[in-house]
């Protein structure tokens, strides 16, 4: 288990990993398949897959059950803070080239999230305009 005060690694932090990334990692660490976790939570395997793919999120009661089954805190699943998993062991030196690639990937991910939020706002405005025009 990770120490909540451990700031040396951000492998599962909100900036580095998604909710789905943390669910998948904790599930795998627990030795469960998606099907196993789904059965224990009383949901479909496709539901767990959607959580891990960040297409949906569980309701609070399922989140609480999942945290207990995976031996992590709900907050760790949500934002990577609190009792959770340790980062994978360091497999070697991170070269400047590798660091640059990782940073660029993180920037692209942040940009994609911002674009998705912008699209959602535009879709909402479009629906509003269409409803005002009787369409």
N, C-alpha and C. Protein backbone atom coordinates (compact mmCIF):
# COMPACT_ATOMS: atom_id res chain seq x y z
N UNK A 1 0.83 -1.19 0.00
CA UNK A 1 0.00 0.00 0.00
C UNK A 1 0.87 1.25 0.00
N UNK A 2 0.39 2.24 -0.64
CA UNK A 2 1.12 3.50 -0.75
C UNK A 2 0.88 4.35 0.49
N UNK A 3 1.89 5.06 0.85
CA UNK A 3 1.76 6.02 1.94
C UNK A 3 1.13 7.29 1.37
N UNK A 4 0.03 7.77 1.97
CA UNK A 4 -0.61 8.95 1.42
C UNK A 4 0.29 10.17 1.41
N UNK A 5 1.32 10.17 2.25
CA UNK A 5 2.23 11.30 2.29
C UNK A 5 3.34 11.19 1.26
N UNK A 6 3.44 10.05 0.56
CA UNK A 6 4.53 9.80 -0.37
C UNK A 6 4.33 10.61 -1.64
N UNK A 7 5.12 11.66 -1.79
CA UNK A 7 5.00 12.52 -2.96
C UNK A 7 6.10 12.26 -3.97
N UNK A 8 6.93 11.24 -3.73
CA UNK A 8 8.07 11.00 -4.60
C UNK A 8 7.65 10.43 -5.94
N UNK A 9 6.51 9.83 -6.04
CA UNK A 9 6.07 9.22 -7.28
C UNK A 9 4.66 9.67 -7.61
N UNK A 10 4.43 9.95 -8.87
CA UNK A 10 3.10 10.39 -9.28
C UNK A 10 2.50 9.45 -10.31
N UNK A 11 2.91 8.19 -10.31
CA UNK A 11 2.47 7.21 -11.30
C UNK A 11 0.94 7.16 -11.41
N UNK A 12 0.24 7.18 -10.28
CA UNK A 12 -1.22 7.08 -10.27
C UNK A 12 -1.90 8.40 -9.92
N UNK A 13 -1.18 9.51 -9.98
CA UNK A 13 -1.77 10.80 -9.65
C UNK A 13 -2.82 11.20 -10.67
N UNK A 14 -3.59 12.20 -10.33
CA UNK A 14 -4.66 12.66 -11.21
C UNK A 14 -4.10 13.17 -12.54
N UNK A 15 -2.89 13.72 -12.52
CA UNK A 15 -2.28 14.22 -13.75
C UNK A 15 -1.71 13.11 -14.62
N UNK A 16 -1.34 11.99 -14.00
CA UNK A 16 -0.66 10.93 -14.74
C UNK A 16 -1.56 9.77 -15.12
N UNK A 17 -2.63 9.55 -14.38
CA UNK A 17 -3.49 8.40 -14.62
C UNK A 17 -4.95 8.81 -14.50
N UNK A 18 -5.79 8.06 -15.18
CA UNK A 18 -7.22 8.31 -15.11
C UNK A 18 -7.85 7.42 -14.04
N UNK A 19 -9.10 7.67 -13.75
CA UNK A 19 -9.85 6.80 -12.86
C UNK A 19 -9.77 5.36 -13.37
N UNK A 20 -10.00 5.18 -14.66
CA UNK A 20 -9.96 3.84 -15.25
C UNK A 20 -8.60 3.18 -15.12
N UNK A 21 -7.54 3.96 -15.28
CA UNK A 21 -6.19 3.41 -15.11
C UNK A 21 -6.01 2.86 -13.70
N UNK A 22 -6.49 3.61 -12.71
CA UNK A 22 -6.33 3.18 -11.32
C UNK A 22 -7.19 1.95 -11.02
N UNK A 23 -8.41 1.91 -11.56
CA UNK A 23 -9.26 0.73 -11.36
C UNK A 23 -8.59 -0.50 -11.95
N UNK A 24 -8.11 -0.39 -13.19
CA UNK A 24 -7.48 -1.53 -13.86
C UNK A 24 -6.23 -1.99 -13.10
N UNK A 25 -5.41 -1.05 -12.65
CA UNK A 25 -4.19 -1.42 -11.94
C UNK A 25 -4.51 -2.11 -10.62
N UNK A 26 -5.47 -1.57 -9.88
CA UNK A 26 -5.83 -2.17 -8.59
C UNK A 26 -6.47 -3.54 -8.80
N UNK A 27 -7.29 -3.67 -9.83
CA UNK A 27 -7.92 -4.96 -10.13
C UNK A 27 -6.86 -6.00 -10.47
N UNK A 28 -5.92 -5.62 -11.33
CA UNK A 28 -4.86 -6.55 -11.71
C UNK A 28 -4.00 -6.91 -10.51
N UNK A 29 -3.68 -5.92 -9.67
CA UNK A 29 -2.89 -6.16 -8.46
C UNK A 29 -3.61 -7.15 -7.54
N UNK A 30 -4.93 -7.11 -7.54
CA UNK A 30 -5.73 -8.01 -6.71
C UNK A 30 -5.88 -9.39 -7.34
N UNK A 31 -5.40 -9.54 -8.57
CA UNK A 31 -5.49 -10.84 -9.25
C UNK A 31 -6.87 -11.15 -9.79
N UNK A 32 -7.67 -10.11 -10.02
CA UNK A 32 -9.02 -10.30 -10.53
C UNK A 32 -9.10 -9.97 -12.01
N UNK A 33 -9.94 -10.69 -12.72
CA UNK A 33 -10.26 -10.33 -14.10
C UNK A 33 -11.40 -9.33 -14.07
N UNK A 34 -11.68 -8.71 -15.20
CA UNK A 34 -12.84 -7.82 -15.27
C UNK A 34 -14.11 -8.60 -14.93
N UNK A 35 -14.19 -9.82 -15.41
CA UNK A 35 -15.36 -10.65 -15.15
C UNK A 35 -15.50 -10.94 -13.66
N UNK A 36 -14.38 -11.26 -12.98
CA UNK A 36 -14.41 -11.51 -11.53
C UNK A 36 -14.91 -10.30 -10.77
N UNK A 37 -14.34 -9.13 -11.10
CA UNK A 37 -14.74 -7.91 -10.39
C UNK A 37 -16.21 -7.60 -10.66
N UNK A 38 -16.63 -7.75 -11.89
CA UNK A 38 -18.04 -7.48 -12.23
C UNK A 38 -18.97 -8.39 -11.42
N UNK A 39 -18.64 -9.67 -11.35
CA UNK A 39 -19.48 -10.62 -10.61
C UNK A 39 -19.56 -10.22 -9.14
N UNK A 40 -18.43 -9.86 -8.55
CA UNK A 40 -18.41 -9.49 -7.13
C UNK A 40 -19.16 -8.19 -6.85
N UNK A 41 -19.20 -7.30 -7.84
CA UNK A 41 -19.91 -6.03 -7.66
C UNK A 41 -21.37 -6.11 -8.11
N UNK A 42 -21.73 -7.21 -8.76
CA UNK A 42 -23.10 -7.35 -9.24
C UNK A 42 -23.41 -6.50 -10.46
N UNK A 43 -22.41 -6.32 -11.32
CA UNK A 43 -22.60 -5.56 -12.56
C UNK A 43 -22.13 -6.41 -13.73
N UNK A 44 -22.38 -5.94 -14.93
CA UNK A 44 -21.92 -6.64 -16.12
C UNK A 44 -20.43 -6.40 -16.35
N UNK A 45 -19.80 -7.35 -17.02
CA UNK A 45 -18.39 -7.20 -17.36
C UNK A 45 -18.19 -5.95 -18.22
N UNK A 46 -19.14 -5.66 -19.10
CA UNK A 46 -19.02 -4.48 -19.95
C UNK A 46 -19.04 -3.20 -19.13
N UNK A 47 -19.70 -3.23 -17.98
CA UNK A 47 -19.72 -2.06 -17.10
C UNK A 47 -18.33 -1.81 -16.53
N UNK A 48 -17.67 -2.85 -16.06
CA UNK A 48 -16.30 -2.71 -15.54
C UNK A 48 -15.38 -2.24 -16.66
N UNK A 49 -15.55 -2.81 -17.85
CA UNK A 49 -14.74 -2.41 -19.00
C UNK A 49 -14.93 -0.92 -19.29
N UNK A 50 -16.17 -0.44 -19.24
CA UNK A 50 -16.44 0.99 -19.47
C UNK A 50 -15.81 1.86 -18.40
N UNK A 51 -15.79 1.39 -17.15
CA UNK A 51 -15.12 2.15 -16.09
C UNK A 51 -13.64 2.24 -16.38
N UNK A 52 -13.04 1.11 -16.75
CA UNK A 52 -11.59 1.08 -17.01
C UNK A 52 -11.22 1.87 -18.27
N UNK A 53 -12.15 1.96 -19.21
CA UNK A 53 -11.92 2.73 -20.44
C UNK A 53 -12.32 4.19 -20.27
N UNK A 54 -12.72 4.58 -19.07
CA UNK A 54 -13.15 5.96 -18.76
C UNK A 54 -14.33 6.41 -19.60
N UNK A 55 -15.22 5.46 -19.90
CA UNK A 55 -16.44 5.80 -20.63
C UNK A 55 -17.60 6.07 -19.68
N UNK A 56 -17.45 5.59 -18.45
CA UNK A 56 -18.46 5.85 -17.41
C UNK A 56 -17.79 5.68 -16.05
N UNK A 57 -18.51 6.05 -15.01
CA UNK A 57 -18.00 5.91 -13.65
C UNK A 57 -19.08 5.28 -12.79
N UNK A 58 -18.66 4.54 -11.77
CA UNK A 58 -19.66 3.89 -10.92
C UNK A 58 -20.34 4.89 -9.99
N UNK A 59 -21.51 4.50 -9.54
CA UNK A 59 -22.19 5.27 -8.50
C UNK A 59 -21.45 5.08 -7.19
N UNK A 60 -21.74 5.91 -6.23
CA UNK A 60 -21.01 5.92 -4.95
C UNK A 60 -21.03 4.56 -4.25
N UNK A 61 -22.18 3.89 -4.27
CA UNK A 61 -22.25 2.60 -3.56
C UNK A 61 -21.35 1.56 -4.22
N UNK A 62 -21.29 1.53 -5.54
CA UNK A 62 -20.41 0.60 -6.25
C UNK A 62 -18.94 1.00 -6.06
N UNK A 63 -18.69 2.29 -6.05
CA UNK A 63 -17.33 2.78 -5.84
C UNK A 63 -16.82 2.34 -4.47
N UNK A 64 -17.67 2.46 -3.47
CA UNK A 64 -17.30 2.05 -2.12
C UNK A 64 -17.03 0.55 -2.06
N UNK A 65 -17.90 -0.24 -2.67
CA UNK A 65 -17.71 -1.69 -2.71
C UNK A 65 -16.42 -2.05 -3.44
N UNK A 66 -16.18 -1.38 -4.57
CA UNK A 66 -14.99 -1.66 -5.37
C UNK A 66 -13.72 -1.34 -4.59
N UNK A 67 -13.70 -0.20 -3.91
CA UNK A 67 -12.53 0.18 -3.13
C UNK A 67 -12.23 -0.89 -2.08
N UNK A 68 -13.27 -1.39 -1.42
CA UNK A 68 -13.08 -2.45 -0.43
C UNK A 68 -12.55 -3.73 -1.04
N UNK A 69 -13.11 -4.13 -2.15
CA UNK A 69 -12.66 -5.35 -2.83
C UNK A 69 -11.22 -5.25 -3.31
N UNK A 70 -10.83 -4.06 -3.75
CA UNK A 70 -9.50 -3.86 -4.31
C UNK A 70 -8.48 -3.41 -3.27
N UNK A 71 -8.94 -3.22 -2.02
CA UNK A 71 -8.07 -2.83 -0.92
C UNK A 71 -7.37 -1.49 -1.15
N UNK A 72 -8.13 -0.52 -1.67
CA UNK A 72 -7.65 0.85 -1.86
C UNK A 72 -8.75 1.79 -1.36
N UNK A 73 -8.41 3.05 -1.17
CA UNK A 73 -9.42 4.01 -0.73
C UNK A 73 -10.22 4.53 -1.92
N UNK A 74 -11.43 4.98 -1.63
CA UNK A 74 -12.25 5.58 -2.69
C UNK A 74 -11.54 6.81 -3.27
N UNK A 75 -10.92 7.61 -2.42
CA UNK A 75 -10.24 8.81 -2.91
C UNK A 75 -9.09 8.45 -3.84
N UNK A 76 -8.38 7.35 -3.55
CA UNK A 76 -7.29 6.94 -4.43
C UNK A 76 -7.84 6.57 -5.80
N UNK A 77 -8.97 5.86 -5.83
CA UNK A 77 -9.58 5.53 -7.12
C UNK A 77 -9.98 6.80 -7.88
N UNK A 78 -10.51 7.76 -7.16
CA UNK A 78 -11.01 8.99 -7.78
C UNK A 78 -9.88 9.90 -8.25
N UNK A 79 -8.89 10.13 -7.38
CA UNK A 79 -7.88 11.14 -7.74
C UNK A 79 -6.43 10.73 -7.47
N UNK A 80 -6.20 9.49 -7.08
CA UNK A 80 -4.83 9.03 -6.86
C UNK A 80 -4.24 9.43 -5.53
N UNK A 81 -5.04 10.02 -4.64
CA UNK A 81 -4.55 10.44 -3.33
C UNK A 81 -5.16 9.54 -2.27
N UNK A 82 -4.40 9.26 -1.23
CA UNK A 82 -4.90 8.41 -0.17
C UNK A 82 -4.30 7.02 -0.27
N UNK A 83 -4.91 6.08 0.43
CA UNK A 83 -4.40 4.71 0.46
C UNK A 83 -4.66 4.03 -0.87
N UNK A 84 -3.57 3.64 -1.52
CA UNK A 84 -3.69 2.99 -2.82
C UNK A 84 -2.52 2.09 -3.08
N UNK A 85 -2.13 2.02 -4.31
CA UNK A 85 -1.03 1.15 -4.71
C UNK A 85 0.26 1.92 -4.85
N UNK A 86 1.35 1.22 -4.62
CA UNK A 86 2.66 1.80 -4.89
C UNK A 86 2.87 1.86 -6.39
N UNK A 87 3.70 2.77 -6.82
CA UNK A 87 4.07 2.83 -8.23
C UNK A 87 4.89 1.60 -8.58
N UNK A 88 4.85 1.21 -9.86
CA UNK A 88 5.68 0.08 -10.26
C UNK A 88 7.13 0.38 -9.98
N UNK A 89 7.95 -0.65 -9.77
CA UNK A 89 9.36 -0.40 -9.48
C UNK A 89 10.03 0.29 -10.66
N UNK A 90 11.01 1.11 -10.33
CA UNK A 90 11.77 1.81 -11.35
C UNK A 90 12.59 0.79 -12.13
N UNK A 91 12.42 0.76 -13.43
CA UNK A 91 13.11 -0.24 -14.25
C UNK A 91 14.39 0.32 -14.86
N UNK A 92 14.78 1.49 -14.47
CA UNK A 92 16.01 2.04 -14.99
C UNK A 92 15.95 3.55 -15.07
N UNK A 93 17.01 4.10 -15.60
CA UNK A 93 17.13 5.54 -15.70
C UNK A 93 16.18 6.08 -16.78
N UNK A 94 15.53 7.18 -16.48
CA UNK A 94 14.68 7.83 -17.46
C UNK A 94 15.55 8.85 -18.20
N UNK A 95 15.76 8.56 -19.47
CA UNK A 95 16.61 9.44 -20.27
C UNK A 95 15.87 10.72 -20.60
N UNK A 96 16.60 11.77 -20.95
CA UNK A 96 15.93 13.02 -21.34
C UNK A 96 14.95 12.82 -22.52
N UNK A 97 15.32 11.96 -23.47
CA UNK A 97 14.41 11.70 -24.60
C UNK A 97 13.11 11.05 -24.12
N UNK A 98 13.23 10.06 -23.23
CA UNK A 98 12.04 9.39 -22.71
C UNK A 98 11.20 10.36 -21.90
N UNK A 99 11.84 11.19 -21.09
CA UNK A 99 11.12 12.19 -20.30
C UNK A 99 10.36 13.15 -21.20
N UNK A 100 10.99 13.57 -22.31
CA UNK A 100 10.34 14.49 -23.26
C UNK A 100 9.11 13.83 -23.88
N UNK A 101 9.23 12.56 -24.23
CA UNK A 101 8.09 11.84 -24.82
C UNK A 101 6.95 11.74 -23.81
N UNK A 102 7.28 11.37 -22.57
CA UNK A 102 6.25 11.26 -21.53
C UNK A 102 5.58 12.60 -21.28
N UNK A 103 6.37 13.67 -21.24
CA UNK A 103 5.79 15.00 -21.03
C UNK A 103 4.87 15.39 -22.18
N UNK A 104 5.29 15.08 -23.41
CA UNK A 104 4.45 15.41 -24.57
C UNK A 104 3.15 14.61 -24.54
N UNK A 105 3.22 13.34 -24.15
CA UNK A 105 2.00 12.53 -24.02
C UNK A 105 1.06 13.11 -22.98
N UNK A 106 1.60 13.54 -21.84
CA UNK A 106 0.76 14.14 -20.80
C UNK A 106 0.11 15.43 -21.29
N UNK A 107 0.89 16.25 -22.02
CA UNK A 107 0.33 17.49 -22.56
C UNK A 107 -0.79 17.19 -23.56
N UNK A 108 -0.58 16.18 -24.41
CA UNK A 108 -1.61 15.82 -25.38
C UNK A 108 -2.87 15.33 -24.68
N UNK A 109 -2.69 14.54 -23.62
CA UNK A 109 -3.85 14.04 -22.88
C UNK A 109 -4.62 15.19 -22.25
N UNK A 110 -3.90 16.13 -21.65
CA UNK A 110 -4.56 17.29 -21.05
C UNK A 110 -5.31 18.10 -22.10
N UNK A 111 -4.70 18.25 -23.28
CA UNK A 111 -5.35 18.97 -24.37
C UNK A 111 -6.61 18.23 -24.84
N UNK A 112 -6.53 16.91 -24.91
CA UNK A 112 -7.70 16.12 -25.33
C UNK A 112 -8.84 16.27 -24.33
N UNK A 113 -8.52 16.26 -23.05
CA UNK A 113 -9.55 16.43 -22.03
C UNK A 113 -10.19 17.82 -22.17
N UNK A 114 -9.37 18.84 -22.36
CA UNK A 114 -9.89 20.19 -22.53
C UNK A 114 -10.77 20.28 -23.77
N UNK A 115 -10.35 19.65 -24.85
CA UNK A 115 -11.16 19.66 -26.09
C UNK A 115 -12.48 18.93 -25.89
N UNK A 116 -12.46 17.82 -25.17
CA UNK A 116 -13.69 17.07 -24.91
C UNK A 116 -14.66 17.92 -24.10
N UNK A 117 -14.14 18.64 -23.12
CA UNK A 117 -14.99 19.53 -22.32
C UNK A 117 -15.55 20.65 -23.18
N UNK A 118 -14.73 21.19 -24.08
CA UNK A 118 -15.18 22.24 -24.98
C UNK A 118 -16.28 21.71 -25.90
N UNK A 119 -16.11 20.49 -26.40
CA UNK A 119 -17.14 19.89 -27.26
C UNK A 119 -18.45 19.73 -26.50
N UNK A 120 -18.37 19.29 -25.25
CA UNK A 120 -19.59 19.11 -24.46
C UNK A 120 -20.31 20.43 -24.27
N UNK A 121 -19.55 21.50 -24.02
CA UNK A 121 -20.19 22.82 -23.86
C UNK A 121 -20.85 23.26 -25.17
N UNK A 122 -20.17 23.04 -26.30
CA UNK A 122 -20.74 23.42 -27.59
C UNK A 122 -21.99 22.61 -27.93
N UNK A 123 -21.97 21.32 -27.62
CA UNK A 123 -23.15 20.49 -27.85
C UNK A 123 -24.33 20.98 -27.02
N UNK A 124 -24.05 21.37 -25.79
CA UNK A 124 -25.11 21.89 -24.92
C UNK A 124 -25.68 23.18 -25.51
N UNK A 125 -24.80 24.07 -25.97
CA UNK A 125 -25.26 25.32 -26.58
C UNK A 125 -26.07 25.03 -27.84
N UNK A 126 -25.61 24.08 -28.64
CA UNK A 126 -26.32 23.72 -29.87
C UNK A 126 -27.72 23.21 -29.57
N UNK A 127 -27.84 22.32 -28.58
CA UNK A 127 -29.17 21.81 -28.21
C UNK A 127 -30.08 22.94 -27.74
N UNK A 128 -29.51 23.88 -26.98
CA UNK A 128 -30.30 25.01 -26.50
C UNK A 128 -30.80 25.86 -27.66
N UNK A 129 -29.89 26.18 -28.60
CA UNK A 129 -30.27 26.99 -29.76
C UNK A 129 -31.33 26.26 -30.60
N UNK A 130 -31.13 24.95 -30.79
CA UNK A 130 -32.08 24.18 -31.60
C UNK A 130 -33.45 24.15 -30.93
N UNK A 131 -33.49 24.01 -29.59
CA UNK A 131 -34.78 23.97 -28.90
C UNK A 131 -35.47 25.33 -28.94
N UNK A 132 -34.66 26.43 -28.93
CA UNK A 132 -35.25 27.76 -29.02
C UNK A 132 -35.83 28.01 -30.39
N UNK A 133 -35.26 27.38 -31.41
CA UNK A 133 -35.73 27.57 -32.79
C UNK A 133 -36.79 26.54 -33.16
N UNK A 134 -37.21 25.72 -32.18
CA UNK A 134 -38.27 24.75 -32.44
C UNK A 134 -37.84 23.58 -33.28
N UNK A 135 -36.56 23.29 -33.28
CA UNK A 135 -36.06 22.16 -34.09
C UNK A 135 -35.92 20.92 -33.26
